[in-house]
Amino acid sequence: MGHRMNWYWIIGIAIALALIYRLISEKPKSVAYEIGRRINVKPHFIENMITAMGSKRGLMFVDQMSRGGDEFIEKGVYTFIVFEISKNDHAENIKWWKSRLKESGFDPQMNAERAEVAFTYLKDAGADHSQIPNFINVYNSIS
């Protein structure tokens, strides 16, 4: 009887851990889905960005974005665009992302506020605030 009881405990703990994991990962997944849906990008690309932000900024980002509202999701969209361009700042890549923004009903231009938000979230992913003016100039000069 005692042996069977151990298995019940193990199964119970496994189920509890699975539920806790699901609750923890639900918010980032829904945020990634919402941002991805808005610009027609697979959610796992946004999840990769959230992971690259590091745990502190990633949690902050997910918390802000999950508060809802187009204003927050829009910030998430531009943060993702900055993240993608920071990985590949080739002119053709910038043009592609700008066209993706335009097709999705977003302003394809970058302004200081959008860049500031993105660079703040992406600081642990290597974004340097001193590069914001240069980033904006290069980005906006390509059409």
N, C-alpha and C. Protein backbone atom coordinates (compact mmCIF):
# COMPACT_ATOMS: atom_id res chain seq x y z
N MET A 1 0.83 -1.20 0.00
CA MET A 1 0.00 0.00 0.00
C MET A 1 0.87 1.26 0.00
N GLY A 2 1.93 1.25 0.80
CA GLY A 2 2.81 2.41 0.90
C GLY A 2 3.48 2.75 -0.42
N HIS A 3 3.79 1.71 -1.18
CA HIS A 3 4.45 1.90 -2.47
C HIS A 3 3.54 2.63 -3.46
N ARG A 4 2.26 2.22 -3.47
CA ARG A 4 1.29 2.84 -4.37
C ARG A 4 1.08 4.31 -3.98
N MET A 5 1.12 4.60 -2.70
CA MET A 5 0.93 5.96 -2.21
C MET A 5 2.03 6.89 -2.76
N ASN A 6 3.26 6.37 -2.85
CA ASN A 6 4.36 7.17 -3.41
C ASN A 6 4.06 7.58 -4.85
N TRP A 7 3.53 6.65 -5.62
CA TRP A 7 3.21 6.96 -7.02
C TRP A 7 2.13 8.04 -7.11
N TYR A 8 1.15 7.98 -6.23
CA TYR A 8 0.12 9.02 -6.23
C TYR A 8 0.73 10.39 -5.96
N TRP A 9 1.66 10.42 -5.02
CA TRP A 9 2.34 11.68 -4.71
C TRP A 9 3.14 12.18 -5.92
N ILE A 10 3.87 11.29 -6.55
CA ILE A 10 4.68 11.68 -7.71
C ILE A 10 3.79 12.19 -8.84
N ILE A 11 2.70 11.48 -9.12
CA ILE A 11 1.77 11.90 -10.17
C ILE A 11 1.13 13.24 -9.79
N GLY A 12 0.75 13.40 -8.54
CA GLY A 12 0.14 14.65 -8.07
C GLY A 12 1.10 15.83 -8.22
N ILE A 13 2.35 15.63 -7.85
CA ILE A 13 3.35 16.69 -7.97
C ILE A 13 3.59 17.02 -9.44
N ALA A 14 3.66 16.01 -10.29
CA ALA A 14 3.87 16.24 -11.72
C ALA A 14 2.72 17.06 -12.31
N ILE A 15 1.50 16.74 -11.94
CA ILE A 15 0.34 17.49 -12.43
C ILE A 15 0.38 18.92 -11.93
N ALA A 16 0.71 19.10 -10.66
CA ALA A 16 0.80 20.45 -10.09
C ALA A 16 1.86 21.28 -10.82
N LEU A 17 3.02 20.68 -11.07
CA LEU A 17 4.09 21.39 -11.78
C LEU A 17 3.66 21.75 -13.21
N ALA A 18 2.97 20.85 -13.87
CA ALA A 18 2.48 21.11 -15.23
C ALA A 18 1.50 22.28 -15.23
N LEU A 19 0.61 22.32 -14.25
CA LEU A 19 -0.35 23.42 -14.15
C LEU A 19 0.34 24.75 -13.86
N ILE A 20 1.31 24.73 -12.96
CA ILE A 20 2.05 25.95 -12.63
C ILE A 20 2.80 26.45 -13.85
N TYR A 21 3.46 25.55 -14.57
CA TYR A 21 4.18 25.93 -15.79
C TYR A 21 3.23 26.55 -16.81
N ARG A 22 2.07 25.93 -16.95
CA ARG A 22 1.10 26.44 -17.93
C ARG A 22 0.62 27.84 -17.55
N LEU A 23 0.37 28.08 -16.28
CA LEU A 23 -0.05 29.40 -15.82
C LEU A 23 1.04 30.44 -16.05
N ILE A 24 2.29 30.06 -15.76
CA ILE A 24 3.42 30.98 -15.93
C ILE A 24 3.64 31.31 -17.40
N SER A 25 3.51 30.32 -18.27
CA SER A 25 3.82 30.53 -19.68
C SER A 25 2.63 31.04 -20.48
N GLU A 26 1.46 31.10 -19.86
CA GLU A 26 0.27 31.51 -20.60
C GLU A 26 0.32 32.98 -21.02
N LYS A 27 0.72 33.87 -20.12
CA LYS A 27 0.78 35.30 -20.44
C LYS A 27 1.76 35.59 -21.58
N PRO A 28 3.01 35.10 -21.50
CA PRO A 28 3.93 35.37 -22.62
C PRO A 28 3.41 34.82 -23.95
N LYS A 29 2.78 33.66 -23.91
CA LYS A 29 2.24 33.08 -25.15
C LYS A 29 1.11 33.94 -25.71
N SER A 30 0.24 34.43 -24.86
CA SER A 30 -0.88 35.25 -25.36
C SER A 30 -0.37 36.60 -25.88
N VAL A 31 0.63 37.16 -25.21
CA VAL A 31 1.23 38.42 -25.68
C VAL A 31 1.90 38.19 -27.04
N ALA A 32 2.67 37.12 -27.15
CA ALA A 32 3.35 36.80 -28.42
C ALA A 32 2.33 36.57 -29.53
N TYR A 33 1.25 35.88 -29.20
CA TYR A 33 0.20 35.62 -30.19
C TYR A 33 -0.41 36.93 -30.67
N GLU A 34 -0.73 37.82 -29.73
CA GLU A 34 -1.40 39.08 -30.08
C GLU A 34 -0.50 39.97 -30.94
N ILE A 35 0.76 40.10 -30.55
CA ILE A 35 1.69 40.91 -31.34
C ILE A 35 1.89 40.27 -32.72
N GLY A 36 2.10 38.96 -32.74
CA GLY A 36 2.28 38.25 -33.99
C GLY A 36 1.08 38.38 -34.92
N ARG A 37 -0.10 38.29 -34.34
CA ARG A 37 -1.34 38.41 -35.13
C ARG A 37 -1.44 39.78 -35.79
N ARG A 38 -1.03 40.80 -35.07
CA ARG A 38 -1.15 42.17 -35.59
C ARG A 38 -0.25 42.43 -36.79
N ILE A 39 0.90 41.74 -36.86
CA ILE A 39 1.82 41.97 -37.99
C ILE A 39 2.07 40.70 -38.80
N ASN A 40 1.22 39.69 -38.58
CA ASN A 40 1.30 38.44 -39.34
C ASN A 40 2.67 37.77 -39.23
N VAL A 41 3.09 37.55 -37.99
CA VAL A 41 4.36 36.88 -37.70
C VAL A 41 4.05 35.74 -36.73
N LYS A 42 4.72 34.62 -36.90
CA LYS A 42 4.50 33.48 -36.01
C LYS A 42 4.88 33.86 -34.57
N PRO A 43 4.04 33.51 -33.60
CA PRO A 43 4.27 33.91 -32.20
C PRO A 43 5.62 33.46 -31.64
N HIS A 44 6.17 32.36 -32.11
CA HIS A 44 7.43 31.90 -31.51
C HIS A 44 8.57 32.88 -31.77
N PHE A 45 8.49 33.69 -32.84
CA PHE A 45 9.51 34.72 -33.08
C PHE A 45 9.44 35.79 -32.00
N ILE A 46 8.23 36.13 -31.58
CA ILE A 46 8.06 37.13 -30.52
C ILE A 46 8.49 36.52 -29.19
N GLU A 47 8.18 35.24 -28.97
CA GLU A 47 8.62 34.56 -27.75
C GLU A 47 10.15 34.55 -27.66
N ASN A 48 10.83 34.36 -28.80
CA ASN A 48 12.30 34.41 -28.82
C ASN A 48 12.80 35.78 -28.39
N MET A 49 12.13 36.84 -28.85
CA MET A 49 12.52 38.19 -28.46
C MET A 49 12.33 38.36 -26.95
N ILE A 50 11.21 37.90 -26.42
CA ILE A 50 10.93 38.03 -24.98
C ILE A 50 12.02 37.31 -24.18
N THR A 51 12.43 36.14 -24.63
CA THR A 51 13.51 35.40 -23.98
C THR A 51 14.82 36.18 -24.04
N ALA A 52 15.11 36.80 -25.19
CA ALA A 52 16.35 37.56 -25.36
C ALA A 52 16.39 38.80 -24.46
N MET A 53 15.24 39.27 -24.02
CA MET A 53 15.18 40.45 -23.15
C MET A 53 15.74 40.15 -21.76
N GLY A 54 15.83 38.90 -21.40
CA GLY A 54 16.25 38.55 -20.05
C GLY A 54 15.02 38.46 -19.16
N SER A 55 15.16 37.81 -18.02
CA SER A 55 13.98 37.54 -17.20
C SER A 55 13.31 38.81 -16.67
N LYS A 56 14.09 39.77 -16.18
CA LYS A 56 13.51 40.97 -15.58
C LYS A 56 12.75 41.81 -16.62
N ARG A 57 13.43 42.15 -17.71
CA ARG A 57 12.79 42.98 -18.73
C ARG A 57 11.72 42.19 -19.49
N GLY A 58 11.95 40.90 -19.68
CA GLY A 58 10.94 40.07 -20.34
C GLY A 58 9.64 40.04 -19.56
N LEU A 59 9.74 39.87 -18.23
CA LEU A 59 8.55 39.89 -17.38
C LEU A 59 7.87 41.26 -17.42
N MET A 60 8.68 42.32 -17.40
CA MET A 60 8.15 43.68 -17.45
C MET A 60 7.39 43.89 -18.77
N PHE A 61 7.99 43.42 -19.87
CA PHE A 61 7.39 43.55 -21.20
C PHE A 61 6.05 42.81 -21.25
N VAL A 62 6.06 41.56 -20.82
CA VAL A 62 4.84 40.74 -20.85
C VAL A 62 3.77 41.38 -19.97
N ASP A 63 4.15 41.86 -18.80
CA ASP A 63 3.20 42.50 -17.89
C ASP A 63 2.57 43.73 -18.56
N GLN A 64 3.41 44.58 -19.16
CA GLN A 64 2.89 45.78 -19.83
C GLN A 64 1.99 45.42 -21.01
N MET A 65 2.43 44.50 -21.84
CA MET A 65 1.67 44.15 -23.04
C MET A 65 0.35 43.46 -22.69
N SER A 66 0.36 42.67 -21.61
CA SER A 66 -0.86 41.92 -21.25
C SER A 66 -1.91 42.81 -20.61
N ARG A 67 -1.54 44.03 -20.29
CA ARG A 67 -2.54 44.96 -19.76
C ARG A 67 -3.56 45.31 -20.83
N GLY A 68 -3.21 44.96 -22.05
CA GLY A 68 -4.16 45.12 -23.15
C GLY A 68 -4.17 46.50 -23.75
N GLY A 69 -5.05 46.64 -24.66
CA GLY A 69 -5.18 47.91 -25.35
C GLY A 69 -4.22 48.01 -26.52
N ASP A 70 -4.70 48.63 -27.57
CA ASP A 70 -3.89 48.76 -28.79
C ASP A 70 -2.60 49.52 -28.55
N GLU A 71 -2.65 50.49 -27.64
CA GLU A 71 -1.46 51.30 -27.35
C GLU A 71 -0.29 50.42 -26.89
N PHE A 72 -0.57 49.46 -26.02
CA PHE A 72 0.49 48.58 -25.51
C PHE A 72 0.95 47.60 -26.58
N ILE A 73 0.01 47.01 -27.30
CA ILE A 73 0.37 46.06 -28.34
C ILE A 73 1.19 46.77 -29.43
N GLU A 74 0.84 48.00 -29.74
CA GLU A 74 1.60 48.78 -30.73
C GLU A 74 3.05 48.94 -30.28
N LYS A 75 3.26 49.22 -29.00
CA LYS A 75 4.62 49.32 -28.47
C LYS A 75 5.35 47.99 -28.64
N GLY A 76 4.64 46.90 -28.42
CA GLY A 76 5.21 45.58 -28.60
C GLY A 76 5.59 45.31 -30.04
N VAL A 77 4.75 45.76 -30.96
CA VAL A 77 5.03 45.58 -32.39
C VAL A 77 6.32 46.31 -32.76
N TYR A 78 6.44 47.58 -32.38
CA TYR A 78 7.64 48.35 -32.72
C TYR A 78 8.88 47.80 -32.02
N THR A 79 8.70 47.29 -30.80
CA THR A 79 9.83 46.68 -30.09
C THR A 79 10.31 45.46 -30.88
N PHE A 80 9.38 44.67 -31.38
CA PHE A 80 9.75 43.50 -32.18
C PHE A 80 10.47 43.91 -33.47
N ILE A 81 10.00 44.96 -34.11
CA ILE A 81 10.63 45.44 -35.35
C ILE A 81 12.07 45.87 -35.04
N VAL A 82 12.26 46.64 -33.97
CA VAL A 82 13.61 47.08 -33.58
C VAL A 82 14.49 45.86 -33.29
N PHE A 83 13.93 44.87 -32.60
CA PHE A 83 14.68 43.65 -32.29
C PHE A 83 15.14 42.95 -33.58
N GLU A 84 14.22 42.80 -34.51
CA GLU A 84 14.56 42.12 -35.77
C GLU A 84 15.60 42.89 -36.57
N ILE A 85 15.47 44.20 -36.59
CA ILE A 85 16.42 45.01 -37.35
C ILE A 85 17.78 45.05 -36.65
N SER A 86 17.78 44.99 -35.32
CA SER A 86 19.06 44.98 -34.62
C SER A 86 19.84 43.69 -34.91
N LYS A 87 19.12 42.62 -35.27
CA LYS A 87 19.79 41.38 -35.64
C LYS A 87 20.30 41.43 -37.08
N ASN A 88 19.62 42.21 -37.94
CA ASN A 88 20.02 42.33 -39.34
C ASN A 88 19.59 43.70 -39.83
N ASP A 89 20.54 44.64 -39.86
CA ASP A 89 20.20 46.01 -40.23
C ASP A 89 20.46 46.31 -41.71
N HIS A 90 20.46 45.28 -42.53
CA HIS A 90 20.62 45.45 -43.97
C HIS A 90 19.42 46.24 -44.52
N ALA A 91 19.66 47.11 -45.49
CA ALA A 91 18.60 47.96 -46.05
C ALA A 91 17.39 47.15 -46.53
N GLU A 92 17.63 46.00 -47.17
CA GLU A 92 16.52 45.18 -47.66
C GLU A 92 15.67 44.63 -46.51
N ASN A 93 16.32 44.29 -45.40
CA ASN A 93 15.58 43.81 -44.24
C ASN A 93 14.72 44.93 -43.65
N ILE A 94 15.28 46.13 -43.57
CA ILE A 94 14.53 47.27 -43.05
C ILE A 94 13.33 47.55 -43.95
N LYS A 95 13.55 47.54 -45.28
CA LYS A 95 12.44 47.75 -46.22
C LYS A 95 11.34 46.71 -46.02
N TRP A 96 11.76 45.46 -45.84
CA TRP A 96 10.78 44.38 -45.67
C TRP A 96 9.92 44.60 -44.43
N TRP A 97 10.57 44.94 -43.31
CA TRP A 97 9.82 45.15 -42.07
C TRP A 97 8.94 46.40 -42.16
N LYS A 98 9.41 47.44 -42.84
CA LYS A 98 8.60 48.64 -43.00
C LYS A 98 7.35 48.32 -43.83
N SER A 99 7.52 47.50 -44.87
CA SER A 99 6.35 47.13 -45.68
C SER A 99 5.40 46.26 -44.86
N ARG A 100 5.93 45.41 -43.99
CA ARG A 100 5.10 44.59 -43.11
C ARG A 100 4.28 45.49 -42.19
N LEU A 101 4.90 46.52 -41.64
CA LEU A 101 4.18 47.47 -40.79
C LEU A 101 3.05 48.15 -41.57
N LYS A 102 3.39 48.64 -42.75
CA LYS A 102 2.42 49.37 -43.57
C LYS A 102 1.23 48.46 -43.93
N GLU A 103 1.51 47.22 -44.35
CA GLU A 103 0.46 46.26 -44.69
C GLU A 103 -0.45 45.98 -43.50
N SER A 104 0.10 46.06 -42.30
CA SER A 104 -0.65 45.75 -41.08
C SER A 104 -1.34 46.98 -40.49
N GLY A 105 -1.23 48.12 -41.17
CA GLY A 105 -1.92 49.32 -40.72
C GLY A 105 -1.15 50.15 -39.70
N PHE A 106 0.16 49.92 -39.60
CA PHE A 106 0.99 50.71 -38.68
C PHE A 106 1.80 51.73 -39.46
N ASP A 107 2.15 52.81 -38.79
CA ASP A 107 3.04 53.81 -39.38
C ASP A 107 4.42 53.18 -39.55
N PRO A 108 4.95 53.14 -40.78
CA PRO A 108 6.25 52.48 -40.98
C PRO A 108 7.45 53.30 -40.49
N GLN A 109 7.23 54.55 -40.11
CA GLN A 109 8.34 55.39 -39.64
C GLN A 109 8.60 55.14 -38.15
N MET A 110 9.84 55.38 -37.75
CA MET A 110 10.25 55.23 -36.35
C MET A 110 10.37 56.62 -35.75
N ASN A 111 9.85 56.79 -34.54
CA ASN A 111 10.04 58.06 -33.85
C ASN A 111 10.79 57.80 -32.54
N ALA A 112 11.14 58.87 -31.85
CA ALA A 112 11.96 58.75 -30.64
C ALA A 112 11.25 57.95 -29.55
N GLU A 113 9.94 58.15 -29.38
CA GLU A 113 9.21 57.44 -28.32
C GLU A 113 9.20 55.93 -28.58
N ARG A 114 8.90 55.53 -29.81
CA ARG A 114 8.87 54.10 -30.15
C ARG A 114 10.25 53.47 -29.94
N ALA A 115 11.28 54.16 -30.40
CA ALA A 115 12.64 53.63 -30.26
C ALA A 115 13.05 53.57 -28.79
N GLU A 116 12.70 54.58 -28.02
CA GLU A 116 13.03 54.62 -26.59
C GLU A 116 12.44 53.43 -25.85
N VAL A 117 11.16 53.16 -26.10
CA VAL A 117 10.49 52.02 -25.47
C VAL A 117 11.20 50.73 -25.86
N ALA A 118 11.42 50.55 -27.16
CA ALA A 118 12.05 49.31 -27.65
C ALA A 118 13.44 49.12 -27.07
N PHE A 119 14.26 50.17 -27.10
CA PHE A 119 15.63 50.05 -26.61
C PHE A 119 15.66 49.78 -25.10
N THR A 120 14.67 50.30 -24.37
CA THR A 120 14.60 50.03 -22.93
C THR A 120 14.33 48.54 -22.69
N TYR A 121 13.35 47.99 -23.39
CA TYR A 121 13.05 46.56 -23.23
C TYR A 121 14.20 45.68 -23.71
N LEU A 122 14.90 46.13 -24.75
CA LEU A 122 15.93 45.30 -25.37
C LEU A 122 17.33 45.55 -24.83
N LYS A 123 17.42 46.30 -23.74
CA LYS A 123 18.73 46.64 -23.18
C LYS A 123 19.58 45.40 -22.89
N ASP A 124 19.00 44.40 -22.25
CA ASP A 124 19.76 43.18 -21.92
C ASP A 124 20.02 42.32 -23.16
N ALA A 125 19.34 42.63 -24.27
CA ALA A 125 19.58 41.91 -25.53
C ALA A 125 20.63 42.65 -26.36
N GLY A 126 21.26 43.69 -25.77
CA GLY A 126 22.34 44.40 -26.43
C GLY A 126 22.00 45.77 -26.98
N ALA A 127 20.77 46.25 -26.78
CA ALA A 127 20.40 47.58 -27.28
C ALA A 127 21.08 48.66 -26.44
N ASP A 128 21.67 49.62 -27.12
CA ASP A 128 22.41 50.71 -26.46
C ASP A 128 21.67 52.02 -26.72
N HIS A 129 21.18 52.65 -25.63
CA HIS A 129 20.40 53.88 -25.77
C HIS A 129 21.13 54.99 -26.54
N SER A 130 22.44 55.00 -26.48
CA SER A 130 23.18 56.05 -27.19
C SER A 130 23.07 55.89 -28.71
N GLN A 131 22.61 54.73 -29.16
CA GLN A 131 22.48 54.46 -30.59
C GLN A 131 21.09 54.82 -31.15
N ILE A 132 20.19 55.28 -30.30
CA ILE A 132 18.82 55.58 -30.75
C ILE A 132 18.79 56.60 -31.89
N PRO A 133 19.45 57.77 -31.76
CA PRO A 133 19.37 58.74 -32.88
C PRO A 133 19.89 58.16 -34.19
N ASN A 134 20.99 57.42 -34.13
CA ASN A 134 21.54 56.81 -35.33
C ASN A 134 20.57 55.76 -35.90
N PHE A 135 20.00 54.94 -35.03
CA PHE A 135 19.04 53.92 -35.46
C PHE A 135 17.87 54.58 -36.19
N ILE A 136 17.30 55.62 -35.59
CA ILE A 136 16.14 56.31 -36.18
C ILE A 136 16.52 56.90 -37.55
N ASN A 137 17.69 57.57 -37.63
CA ASN A 137 18.11 58.17 -38.90
C ASN A 137 18.25 57.13 -40.00
N VAL A 138 18.95 56.04 -39.69
CA VAL A 138 19.17 54.99 -40.69
C VAL A 138 17.83 54.36 -41.08
N TYR A 139 17.05 54.00 -40.09
CA TYR A 139 15.76 53.34 -40.35
C TYR A 139 14.86 54.22 -41.21
N ASN A 140 14.69 55.48 -40.82
CA ASN A 140 13.75 56.37 -41.53
C ASN A 140 14.27 56.79 -42.91
N SER A 141 15.59 56.69 -43.14
CA SER A 141 16.14 57.09 -44.43
C SER A 141 15.90 56.04 -45.51
N ILE A 142 15.56 54.83 -45.10
CA ILE A 142 15.35 53.73 -46.06
C ILE A 142 13.86 53.61 -46.36
N SER A 143 13.56 53.60 -47.68
CA SER A 143 12.14 53.46 -48.04
C SER A 143 11.94 52.44 -49.14
